[in-house]
Structure formats: structure tokens, C-alpha cells
Amino acid sequence: MIGSSRRSVGSVVAKVLYIAAVLVALVVTLELVLTIFIQPGDTLGFMFGLMETRFLPSTLTTLIGMWSLAYLKWPPIWLQLLCVPMAVWGAFALMQFTTL
């Protein structure tokens, strides 16, 4: 009975990495929105255009994180681990976007 309640190390590591990835993706998305809305012009169309192209992985990670928070359910481990490189890509794309 005690052994069945213990979680594997891989599952715990996946959850920690997933939480970090969702937080990074959320920061990237909020920073992107803030950066775009400071600029004059057609900001809403430009923002959705960017979120559909360069920032799609980061946007998907944010949506998956909000989905799991809304349903209070963890996604599968493979999806948790997939969110990590997607969030890293979003942070990299944000650094490239803000230096332009």
C-alpha cells in the first residue's frame, strides 16, 4: 500500500519541468502582448499574426497550462515534457523579437 502511493522520479521531474515551462510561456506571452500594445498601429492583428507564427509553441504551452489549471488535471507526461522545448523556443523568439 505504501509503495503504490509513491510517485516515480520521472513523473515528479516532468511535473516540475512542466510547471516551469508554463510559467516561462506565460511570461513570454505577457511580455509579447505588453511590447506590442505599447507600439502604435494595428496592434491586435499584428499580435495574433505573431502568435500564430513565431510564437506558436509558446502560445500552445500557455494554452495547455491554462487548460490543465482550469480542469485541475495534469496532462500526460509526454505532453508535459513536450512543453519544455516549446517554452524555450518562445523565450528565444522573444529575445530575437525584442532586439529587432
PDB file of N, CA and C in Angstrom:
ATOM      1  N   MET A   1       0.815  -1.178   0.000  1.00  0.00           N
ATOM      2  CA  MET A   1       0.000   0.000   0.000  1.00  0.00           C
ATOM      3  C   MET A   1       0.864   1.249   0.000  1.00  0.00           C
ATOM      4  N   ILE A   2       1.946   1.269   0.734  1.00  0.00           N
ATOM      5  CA  ILE A   2       2.804   2.446   0.770  1.00  0.00           C
ATOM      6  C   ILE A   2       3.497   2.634  -0.571  1.00  0.00           C
ATOM      7  N   GLY A   3       3.901   1.559  -1.199  1.00  0.00           N
ATOM      8  CA  GLY A   3       4.602   1.651  -2.476  1.00  0.00           C
ATOM      9  C   GLY A   3       3.723   2.166  -3.595  1.00  0.00           C
ATOM     10  N   SER A   4       2.411   1.921  -3.519  1.00  0.00           N
ATOM     11  CA  SER A   4       1.534   2.353  -4.594  1.00  0.00           C
ATOM     12  C   SER A   4       1.263   3.855  -4.549  1.00  0.00           C
ATOM     13  N   SER A   5       1.446   4.475  -3.388  1.00  0.00           N
ATOM     14  CA  SER A   5       1.185   5.905  -3.298  1.00  0.00           C
ATOM     15  C   SER A   5       2.402   6.746  -3.677  1.00  0.00           C
ATOM     16  N   ARG A   6       3.544   6.122  -3.834  1.00  0.00           N
ATOM     17  CA  ARG A   6       4.750   6.852  -4.215  1.00  0.00           C
ATOM     18  C   ARG A   6       4.750   7.102  -5.717  1.00  0.00           C
ATOM     19  N   ARG A   7       5.264   8.223  -6.078  1.00  0.00           N
ATOM     20  CA  ARG A   7       5.348   8.572  -7.495  1.00  0.00           C
ATOM     21  C   ARG A   7       6.757   8.317  -7.983  1.00  0.00           C
ATOM     22  N   SER A   8       6.862   8.067  -9.253  1.00  0.00           N
ATOM     23  CA  SER A   8       8.190   7.836  -9.815  1.00  0.00           C
ATOM     24  C   SER A   8       8.941   9.166  -9.924  1.00  0.00           C
ATOM     25  N   VAL A   9      10.246   9.056  -9.931  1.00  0.00           N
ATOM     26  CA  VAL A   9      11.082  10.257 -10.031  1.00  0.00           C
ATOM     27  C   VAL A   9      10.844  10.958 -11.365  1.00  0.00           C
ATOM     28  N   GLY A  10      10.666  10.186 -12.419  1.00  0.00           N
ATOM     29  CA  GLY A  10      10.414  10.772 -13.737  1.00  0.00           C
ATOM     30  C   GLY A  10       9.128  11.576 -13.784  1.00  0.00           C
ATOM     31  N   SER A  11       8.113  11.096 -13.106  1.00  0.00           N
ATOM     32  CA  SER A  11       6.843  11.819 -13.070  1.00  0.00           C
ATOM     33  C   SER A  11       6.976  13.138 -12.326  1.00  0.00           C
ATOM     34  N   VAL A  12       7.697  13.123 -11.223  1.00  0.00           N
ATOM     35  CA  VAL A  12       7.886  14.352 -10.448  1.00  0.00           C
ATOM     36  C   VAL A  12       8.727  15.350 -11.238  1.00  0.00           C
ATOM     37  N   VAL A  13       9.783  14.881 -11.889  1.00  0.00           N
ATOM     38  CA  VAL A  13      10.634  15.763 -12.699  1.00  0.00           C
ATOM     39  C   VAL A  13       9.835  16.347 -13.863  1.00  0.00           C
ATOM     40  N   ALA A  14       9.002  15.525 -14.485  1.00  0.00           N
ATOM     41  CA  ALA A  14       8.175  16.010 -15.594  1.00  0.00           C
ATOM     42  C   ALA A  14       7.219  17.100 -15.124  1.00  0.00           C
ATOM     43  N   LYS A  15       6.637  16.929 -13.958  1.00  0.00           N
ATOM     44  CA  LYS A  15       5.711  17.937 -13.439  1.00  0.00           C
ATOM     45  C   LYS A  15       6.430  19.247 -13.105  1.00  0.00           C
ATOM     46  N   VAL A  16       7.613  19.149 -12.515  1.00  0.00           N
ATOM     47  CA  VAL A  16       8.375  20.360 -12.190  1.00  0.00           C
ATOM     48  C   VAL A  16       8.785  21.091 -13.467  1.00  0.00           C
ATOM     49  N   LEU A  17       9.276  20.342 -14.457  1.00  0.00           N
ATOM     50  CA  LEU A  17       9.650  20.960 -15.731  1.00  0.00           C
ATOM     51  C   LEU A  17       8.435  21.558 -16.430  1.00  0.00           C
ATOM     52  N   TYR A  18       7.308  20.887 -16.336  1.00  0.00           N
ATOM     53  CA  TYR A  18       6.080  21.379 -16.954  1.00  0.00           C
ATOM     54  C   TYR A  18       5.638  22.694 -16.313  1.00  0.00           C
ATOM     55  N   ILE A  19       5.666  22.755 -14.996  1.00  0.00           N
ATOM     56  CA  ILE A  19       5.276  23.982 -14.303  1.00  0.00           C
ATOM     57  C   ILE A  19       6.203  25.133 -14.691  1.00  0.00           C
ATOM     58  N   ALA A  20       7.500  24.857 -14.741  1.00  0.00           N
ATOM     59  CA  ALA A  20       8.457  25.890 -15.150  1.00  0.00           C
ATOM     60  C   ALA A  20       8.211  26.321 -16.594  1.00  0.00           C
ATOM     61  N   ALA A  21       7.919  25.366 -17.472  1.00  0.00           N
ATOM     62  CA  ALA A  21       7.673  25.695 -18.877  1.00  0.00           C
ATOM     63  C   ALA A  21       6.425  26.546 -19.040  1.00  0.00           C
ATOM     64  N   VAL A  22       5.381  26.215 -18.305  1.00  0.00           N
ATOM     65  CA  VAL A  22       4.145  27.009 -18.401  1.00  0.00           C
ATOM     66  C   VAL A  22       4.380  28.422 -17.877  1.00  0.00           C
ATOM     67  N   LEU A  23       5.129  28.553 -16.804  1.00  0.00           N
ATOM     68  CA  LEU A  23       5.424  29.894 -16.284  1.00  0.00           C
ATOM     69  C   LEU A  23       6.259  30.707 -17.270  1.00  0.00           C
ATOM     70  N   VAL A  24       7.252  30.076 -17.892  1.00  0.00           N
ATOM     71  CA  VAL A  24       8.067  30.777 -18.897  1.00  0.00           C
ATOM     72  C   VAL A  24       7.201  31.184 -20.079  1.00  0.00           C
ATOM     73  N   ALA A  25       6.352  30.280 -20.557  1.00  0.00           N
ATOM     74  CA  ALA A  25       5.482  30.594 -21.692  1.00  0.00           C
ATOM     75  C   ALA A  25       4.499  31.701 -21.352  1.00  0.00           C
ATOM     76  N   LEU A  26       4.022  31.717 -20.130  1.00  0.00           N
ATOM     77  CA  LEU A  26       3.105  32.769 -19.707  1.00  0.00           C
ATOM     78  C   LEU A  26       3.808  34.119 -19.668  1.00  0.00           C
ATOM     79  N   VAL A  27       5.026  34.146 -19.165  1.00  0.00           N
ATOM     80  CA  VAL A  27       5.807  35.388 -19.142  1.00  0.00           C
ATOM     81  C   VAL A  27       6.103  35.861 -20.559  1.00  0.00           C
ATOM     82  N   VAL A  28       6.459  34.929 -21.448  1.00  0.00           N
ATOM     83  CA  VAL A  28       6.730  35.289 -22.848  1.00  0.00           C
ATOM     84  C   VAL A  28       5.480  35.883 -23.483  1.00  0.00           C
ATOM     85  N   THR A  29       4.335  35.266 -23.267  1.00  0.00           N
ATOM     86  CA  THR A  29       3.098  35.757 -23.865  1.00  0.00           C
ATOM     87  C   THR A  29       2.727  37.131 -23.317  1.00  0.00           C
ATOM     88  N   LEU A  30       2.844  37.314 -22.018  1.00  0.00           N
ATOM     89  CA  LEU A  30       2.517  38.622 -21.431  1.00  0.00           C
ATOM     90  C   LEU A  30       3.497  39.706 -21.871  1.00  0.00           C
ATOM     91  N   GLU A  31       4.769  39.360 -21.948  1.00  0.00           N
ATOM     92  CA  GLU A  31       5.768  40.320 -22.424  1.00  0.00           C
ATOM     93  C   GLU A  31       5.521  40.688 -23.881  1.00  0.00           C
ATOM     94  N   LEU A  32       5.145  39.711 -24.686  1.00  0.00           N
ATOM     95  CA  LEU A  32       4.835  39.969 -26.088  1.00  0.00           C
ATOM     96  C   LEU A  32       3.636  40.891 -26.221  1.00  0.00           C
ATOM     97  N   VAL A  33       2.599  40.625 -25.459  1.00  0.00           N
ATOM     98  CA  VAL A  33       1.405  41.478 -25.503  1.00  0.00           C
ATOM     99  C   VAL A  33       1.745  42.892 -25.048  1.00  0.00           C
ATOM    100  N   LEU A  34       2.505  43.010 -23.984  1.00  0.00           N
ATOM    101  CA  LEU A  34       2.896  44.328 -23.484  1.00  0.00           C
ATOM    102  C   LEU A  34       3.751  45.079 -24.507  1.00  0.00           C
ATOM    103  N   THR A  35       4.711  44.389 -25.111  1.00  0.00           N
ATOM    104  CA  THR A  35       5.587  45.022 -26.106  1.00  0.00           C
ATOM    105  C   THR A  35       4.801  45.484 -27.323  1.00  0.00           C
ATOM    106  N   ILE A  36       3.862  44.685 -27.770  1.00  0.00           N
ATOM    107  CA  ILE A  36       3.103  45.027 -28.978  1.00  0.00           C
ATOM    108  C   ILE A  36       2.120  46.157 -28.709  1.00  0.00           C
ATOM    109  N   PHE A  37       1.463  46.156 -27.569  1.00  0.00           N
ATOM    110  CA  PHE A  37       0.456  47.183 -27.318  1.00  0.00           C
ATOM    111  C   PHE A  37       1.055  48.529 -26.964  1.00  0.00           C
ATOM    112  N   ILE A  38       2.344  48.587 -26.694  1.00  0.00           N
ATOM    113  CA  ILE A  38       2.999  49.878 -26.489  1.00  0.00           C
ATOM    114  C   ILE A  38       3.210  50.572 -27.835  1.00  0.00           C
ATOM    115  N   GLN A  39       3.385  49.799 -28.895  1.00  0.00           N
ATOM    116  CA  GLN A  39       3.635  50.347 -30.227  1.00  0.00           C
ATOM    117  C   GLN A  39       2.335  50.845 -30.856  1.00  0.00           C
ATOM    118  N   PRO A  40       2.397  51.927 -31.634  1.00  0.00           N
ATOM    119  CA  PRO A  40       1.190  52.421 -32.314  1.00  0.00           C
ATOM    120  C   PRO A  40       0.887  51.581 -33.553  1.00  0.00           C
ATOM    121  N   GLY A  41      -0.327  51.646 -34.002  1.00  0.00           N
ATOM    122  CA  GLY A  41      -0.710  50.962 -35.232  1.00  0.00           C
ATOM    123  C   GLY A  41      -1.692  49.828 -34.980  1.00  0.00           C
ATOM    124  N   ASP A  42      -1.790  48.937 -35.946  1.00  0.00           N
ATOM    125  CA  ASP A  42      -2.701  47.794 -35.873  1.00  0.00           C
ATOM    126  C   ASP A  42      -2.108  46.737 -34.954  1.00  0.00           C
ATOM    127  N   THR A  43      -2.250  46.933 -33.672  1.00  0.00           N
ATOM    128  CA  THR A  43      -1.570  46.062 -32.719  1.00  0.00           C
ATOM    129  C   THR A  43      -2.239  44.701 -32.585  1.00  0.00           C
ATOM    130  N   LEU A  44      -3.554  44.635 -32.607  1.00  0.00           N
ATOM    131  CA  LEU A  44      -4.236  43.370 -32.387  1.00  0.00           C
ATOM    132  C   LEU A  44      -3.992  42.392 -33.533  1.00  0.00           C
ATOM    133  N   GLY A  45      -4.104  42.857 -34.764  1.00  0.00           N
ATOM    134  CA  GLY A  45      -3.830  41.981 -35.905  1.00  0.00           C
ATOM    135  C   GLY A  45      -2.384  41.546 -35.957  1.00  0.00           C
ATOM    136  N   PHE A  46      -1.481  42.453 -35.642  1.00  0.00           N
ATOM    137  CA  PHE A  46      -0.056  42.126 -35.616  1.00  0.00           C
ATOM    138  C   PHE A  46       0.250  41.096 -34.536  1.00  0.00           C
ATOM    139  N   MET A  47      -0.372  41.263 -33.355  1.00  0.00           N
ATOM    140  CA  MET A  47      -0.123  40.339 -32.255  1.00  0.00           C
ATOM    141  C   MET A  47      -0.612  38.937 -32.603  1.00  0.00           C
ATOM    142  N   PHE A  48      -1.822  38.818 -33.144  1.00  0.00           N
ATOM    143  CA  PHE A  48      -2.322  37.492 -33.492  1.00  0.00           C
ATOM    144  C   PHE A  48      -1.526  36.880 -34.631  1.00  0.00           C
ATOM    145  N   GLY A  49      -1.026  37.712 -35.543  1.00  0.00           N
ATOM    146  CA  GLY A  49      -0.157  37.195 -36.604  1.00  0.00           C
ATOM    147  C   GLY A  49       1.131  36.612 -36.055  1.00  0.00           C
ATOM    148  N   LEU A  50       1.724  37.288 -35.074  1.00  0.00           N
ATOM    149  CA  LEU A  50       2.941  36.772 -34.447  1.00  0.00           C
ATOM    150  C   LEU A  50       2.669  35.521 -33.621  1.00  0.00           C
ATOM    151  N   MET A  51       1.565  35.510 -32.899  1.00  0.00           N
ATOM    152  CA  MET A  51       1.264  34.360 -32.048  1.00  0.00           C
ATOM    153  C   MET A  51       0.947  33.119 -32.869  1.00  0.00           C
ATOM    154  N   GLU A  52       0.527  33.300 -34.112  1.00  0.00           N
ATOM    155  CA  GLU A  52       0.245  32.163 -34.974  1.00  0.00           C
ATOM    156  C   GLU A  52       1.484  31.671 -35.709  1.00  0.00           C
ATOM    157  N   THR A  53       2.563  32.441 -35.708  1.00  0.00           N
ATOM    158  CA  THR A  53       3.744  32.031 -36.468  1.00  0.00           C
ATOM    159  C   THR A  53       4.931  31.790 -35.548  1.00  0.00           C
ATOM    160  N   ARG A  54       5.651  32.832 -35.195  1.00  0.00           N
ATOM    161  CA  ARG A  54       6.883  32.687 -34.416  1.00  0.00           C
ATOM    162  C   ARG A  54       6.647  32.206 -32.998  1.00  0.00           C
ATOM    163  N   PHE A  55       5.548  32.601 -32.411  1.00  0.00           N
ATOM    164  CA  PHE A  55       5.302  32.298 -31.012  1.00  0.00           C
ATOM    165  C   PHE A  55       4.260  31.201 -30.817  1.00  0.00           C
ATOM    166  N   LEU A  56       4.001  30.409 -31.854  1.00  0.00           N
ATOM    167  CA  LEU A  56       3.012  29.342 -31.745  1.00  0.00           C
ATOM    168  C   LEU A  56       3.359  28.321 -30.657  1.00  0.00           C
ATOM    169  N   PRO A  57       4.619  27.845 -30.560  1.00  0.00           N
ATOM    170  CA  PRO A  57       4.915  26.888 -29.480  1.00  0.00           C
ATOM    171  C   PRO A  57       4.673  27.463 -28.091  1.00  0.00           C
ATOM    172  N   SER A  58       5.066  28.705 -27.889  1.00  0.00           N
ATOM    173  CA  SER A  58       4.858  29.345 -26.592  1.00  0.00           C
ATOM    174  C   SER A  58       3.375  29.549 -26.312  1.00  0.00           C
ATOM    175  N   THR A  59       2.624  29.919 -27.329  1.00  0.00           N
ATOM    176  CA  THR A  59       1.188  30.109 -27.169  1.00  0.00           C
ATOM    177  C   THR A  59       0.505  28.785 -26.840  1.00  0.00           C
ATOM    178  N   LEU A  60       0.918  27.707 -27.507  1.00  0.00           N
ATOM    179  CA  LEU A  60       0.345  26.396 -27.212  1.00  0.00           C
ATOM    180  C   LEU A  60       0.667  25.952 -25.794  1.00  0.00           C
ATOM    181  N   THR A  61       1.884  26.218 -25.339  1.00  0.00           N
ATOM    182  CA  THR A  61       2.254  25.860 -23.975  1.00  0.00           C
ATOM    183  C   THR A  61       1.405  26.633 -22.970  1.00  0.00           C
ATOM    184  N   THR A  62       1.175  27.903 -23.232  1.00  0.00           N
ATOM    185  CA  THR A  62       0.321  28.696 -22.349  1.00  0.00           C
ATOM    186  C   THR A  62      -1.103  28.148 -22.333  1.00  0.00           C
ATOM    187  N   LEU A  63      -1.620  27.803 -23.498  1.00  0.00           N
ATOM    188  CA  LEU A  63      -2.982  27.261 -23.563  1.00  0.00           C
ATOM    189  C   LEU A  63      -3.092  25.918 -22.855  1.00  0.00           C
ATOM    190  N   ILE A  64      -2.086  25.057 -23.015  1.00  0.00           N
ATOM    191  CA  ILE A  64      -2.104  23.762 -22.335  1.00  0.00           C
ATOM    192  C   ILE A  64      -2.039  23.963 -20.823  1.00  0.00           C
ATOM    193  N   GLY A  65      -1.220  24.907 -20.381  1.00  0.00           N
ATOM    194  CA  GLY A  65      -1.131  25.194 -18.955  1.00  0.00           C
ATOM    195  C   GLY A  65      -2.430  25.727 -18.390  1.00  0.00           C
ATOM    196  N   MET A  66      -3.081  26.603 -19.123  1.00  0.00           N
ATOM    197  CA  MET A  66      -4.351  27.152 -18.650  1.00  0.00           C
ATOM    198  C   MET A  66      -5.442  26.076 -18.671  1.00  0.00           C
ATOM    199  N   TRP A  67      -5.369  25.170 -19.652  1.00  0.00           N
ATOM    200  CA  TRP A  67      -6.318  24.061 -19.712  1.00  0.00           C
ATOM    201  C   TRP A  67      -6.159  23.155 -18.495  1.00  0.00           C
ATOM    202  N   SER A  68      -4.920  22.830 -18.168  1.00  0.00           N
ATOM    203  CA  SER A  68      -4.718  21.940 -17.028  1.00  0.00           C
ATOM    204  C   SER A  68      -5.090  22.623 -15.719  1.00  0.00           C
ATOM    205  N   LEU A  69      -4.920  23.931 -15.639  1.00  0.00           N
ATOM    206  CA  LEU A  69      -5.336  24.664 -14.447  1.00  0.00           C
ATOM    207  C   LEU A  69      -6.861  24.723 -14.354  1.00  0.00           C
ATOM    208  N   ALA A  70      -7.525  24.927 -15.477  1.00  0.00           N
ATOM    209  CA  ALA A  70      -8.989  25.017 -15.476  1.00  0.00           C
ATOM    210  C   ALA A  70      -9.638  23.688 -15.104  1.00  0.00           C
ATOM    211  N   TYR A  71      -9.087  22.593 -15.604  1.00  0.00           N
ATOM    212  CA  TYR A  71      -9.658  21.276 -15.318  1.00  0.00           C
ATOM    213  C   TYR A  71      -9.045  20.613 -14.090  1.00  0.00           C
ATOM    214  N   LEU A  72      -8.012  21.254 -13.508  1.00  0.00           N
ATOM    215  CA  LEU A  72      -7.306  20.700 -12.352  1.00  0.00           C
ATOM    216  C   LEU A  72      -6.850  19.269 -12.619  1.00  0.00           C
ATOM    217  N   LYS A  73      -6.287  19.074 -13.806  1.00  0.00           N
ATOM    218  CA  LYS A  73      -5.834  17.749 -14.219  1.00  0.00           C
ATOM    219  C   LYS A  73      -4.504  17.902 -14.943  1.00  0.00           C
ATOM    220  N   TRP A  74      -3.555  17.036 -14.619  1.00  0.00           N
ATOM    221  CA  TRP A  74      -2.261  17.065 -15.292  1.00  0.00           C
ATOM    222  C   TRP A  74      -2.382  16.443 -16.668  1.00  0.00           C
ATOM    223  N   PRO A  75      -1.729  17.022 -17.680  1.00  0.00           N
ATOM    224  CA  PRO A  75      -1.691  16.362 -18.985  1.00  0.00           C
ATOM    225  C   PRO A  75      -0.779  15.144 -18.915  1.00  0.00           C
ATOM    226  N   PRO A  76      -0.779  14.314 -19.953  1.00  0.00           N
ATOM    227  CA  PRO A  76       0.120  13.148 -19.962  1.00  0.00           C
ATOM    228  C   PRO A  76       1.583  13.586 -19.855  1.00  0.00           C
ATOM    229  N   ILE A  77       2.419  12.694 -19.384  1.00  0.00           N
ATOM    230  CA  ILE A  77       3.833  13.029 -19.155  1.00  0.00           C
ATOM    231  C   ILE A  77       4.514  13.441 -20.457  1.00  0.00           C
ATOM    232  N   TRP A  78       4.199  12.780 -21.561  1.00  0.00           N
ATOM    233  CA  TRP A  78       4.850  13.135 -22.823  1.00  0.00           C
ATOM    234  C   TRP A  78       4.511  14.568 -23.224  1.00  0.00           C
ATOM    235  N   LEU A  79       3.293  15.012 -22.922  1.00  0.00           N
ATOM    236  CA  LEU A  79       2.907  16.387 -23.249  1.00  0.00           C
ATOM    237  C   LEU A  79       3.564  17.382 -22.299  1.00  0.00           C
ATOM    238  N   GLN A  80       3.721  16.983 -21.040  1.00  0.00           N
ATOM    239  CA  GLN A  80       4.428  17.841 -20.092  1.00  0.00           C
ATOM    240  C   GLN A  80       5.858  18.059 -20.550  1.00  0.00           C
ATOM    241  N   LEU A  81       6.511  16.993 -20.976  1.00  0.00           N
ATOM    242  CA  LEU A  81       7.903  17.117 -21.429  1.00  0.00           C
ATOM    243  C   LEU A  81       8.003  17.835 -22.773  1.00  0.00           C
ATOM    244  N   LEU A  82       6.993  17.734 -23.604  1.00  0.00           N
ATOM    245  CA  LEU A  82       6.988  18.440 -24.885  1.00  0.00           C
ATOM    246  C   LEU A  82       6.859  19.947 -24.696  1.00  0.00           C
ATOM    247  N   CYS A  83       6.231  20.369 -23.618  1.00  0.00           N
ATOM    248  CA  CYS A  83       6.050  21.799 -23.360  1.00  0.00           C
ATOM    249  C   CYS A  83       7.365  22.503 -23.032  1.00  0.00           C
ATOM    250  N   VAL A  84       8.352  21.769 -22.542  1.00  0.00           N
ATOM    251  CA  VAL A  84       9.623  22.394 -22.154  1.00  0.00           C
ATOM    252  C   VAL A  84      10.339  23.006 -23.360  1.00  0.00           C
ATOM    253  N   PRO A  85      10.612  22.246 -24.439  1.00  0.00           N
ATOM    254  CA  PRO A  85      11.277  22.900 -25.573  1.00  0.00           C
ATOM    255  C   PRO A  85      10.410  23.958 -26.257  1.00  0.00           C
ATOM    256  N   MET A  86       9.095  23.799 -26.186  1.00  0.00           N
ATOM    257  CA  MET A  86       8.228  24.812 -26.788  1.00  0.00           C
ATOM    258  C   MET A  86       8.340  26.131 -26.029  1.00  0.00           C
ATOM    259  N   ALA A  87       8.434  26.071 -24.707  1.00  0.00           N
ATOM    260  CA  ALA A  87       8.595  27.296 -23.920  1.00  0.00           C
ATOM    261  C   ALA A  87       9.970  27.915 -24.139  1.00  0.00           C
ATOM    262  N   VAL A  88      10.982  27.080 -24.263  1.00  0.00           N
ATOM    263  CA  VAL A  88      12.331  27.591 -24.538  1.00  0.00           C
ATOM    264  C   VAL A  88      12.354  28.279 -25.896  1.00  0.00           C
ATOM    265  N   TRP A  89      11.686  27.693 -26.881  1.00  0.00           N
ATOM    266  CA  TRP A  89      11.618  28.329 -28.195  1.00  0.00           C
ATOM    267  C   TRP A  89      10.917  29.681 -28.103  1.00  0.00           C
ATOM    268  N   GLY A  90       9.862  29.780 -27.307  1.00  0.00           N
ATOM    269  CA  GLY A  90       9.167  31.055 -27.142  1.00  0.00           C
ATOM    270  C   GLY A  90      10.059  32.112 -26.510  1.00  0.00           C
ATOM    271  N   ALA A  91      10.850  31.715 -25.515  1.00  0.00           N
ATOM    272  CA  ALA A  91      11.777  32.665 -24.887  1.00  0.00           C
ATOM    273  C   ALA A  91      12.841  33.112 -25.879  1.00  0.00           C
ATOM    274  N   PHE A  92      13.356  32.176 -26.686  1.00  0.00           N
ATOM    275  CA  PHE A  92      14.345  32.514 -27.713  1.00  0.00           C
ATOM    276  C   PHE A  92      13.740  33.454 -28.752  1.00  0.00           C
ATOM    277  N   ALA A  93      12.528  33.167 -29.190  1.00  0.00           N
ATOM    278  CA  ALA A  93      11.864  34.019 -30.187  1.00  0.00           C
ATOM    279  C   ALA A  93      11.595  35.410 -29.626  1.00  0.00           C
ATOM    280  N   LEU A  94      11.271  35.493 -28.336  1.00  0.00           N
ATOM    281  CA  LEU A  94      11.047  36.798 -27.723  1.00  0.00           C
ATOM    282  C   LEU A  94      12.326  37.603 -27.668  1.00  0.00           C
ATOM    283  N   MET A  95      13.441  36.949 -27.347  1.00  0.00           N
ATOM    284  CA  MET A  95      14.721  37.658 -27.318  1.00  0.00           C
ATOM    285  C   MET A  95      15.070  38.164 -28.719  1.00  0.00           C
ATOM    286  N   GLN A  96      14.817  37.370 -29.749  1.00  0.00           N
ATOM    287  CA  GLN A  96      15.077  37.798 -31.124  1.00  0.00           C
ATOM    288  C   GLN A  96      14.115  38.920 -31.526  1.00  0.00           C
ATOM    289  N   PHE A  97      12.888  38.859 -31.077  1.00  0.00           N
ATOM    290  CA  PHE A  97      11.885  39.858 -31.435  1.00  0.00           C
ATOM    291  C   PHE A  97      12.175  41.208 -30.792  1.00  0.00           C
ATOM    292  N   THR A  98      12.603  41.210 -29.539  1.00  0.00           N
ATOM    293  CA  THR A  98      12.831  42.475 -28.857  1.00  0.00           C
ATOM    294  C   THR A  98      14.134  43.142 -29.284  1.00  0.00           C
ATOM    295  N   THR A  99      15.056  42.407 -29.904  1.00  0.00           N
ATOM    296  CA  THR A  99      16.306  43.017 -30.358  1.00  0.00           C
ATOM    297  C   THR A  99      16.190  43.567 -31.766  1.00  0.00           C
ATOM    298  N   LEU A 100      15.060  43.314 -32.451  1.00  0.00           N
ATOM    299  CA  LEU A 100      14.892  43.818 -33.824  1.00  0.00           C
ATOM    300  C   LEU A 100      14.642  45.290 -33.854  1.00  0.00           C
TER     301      LEU A 100
END
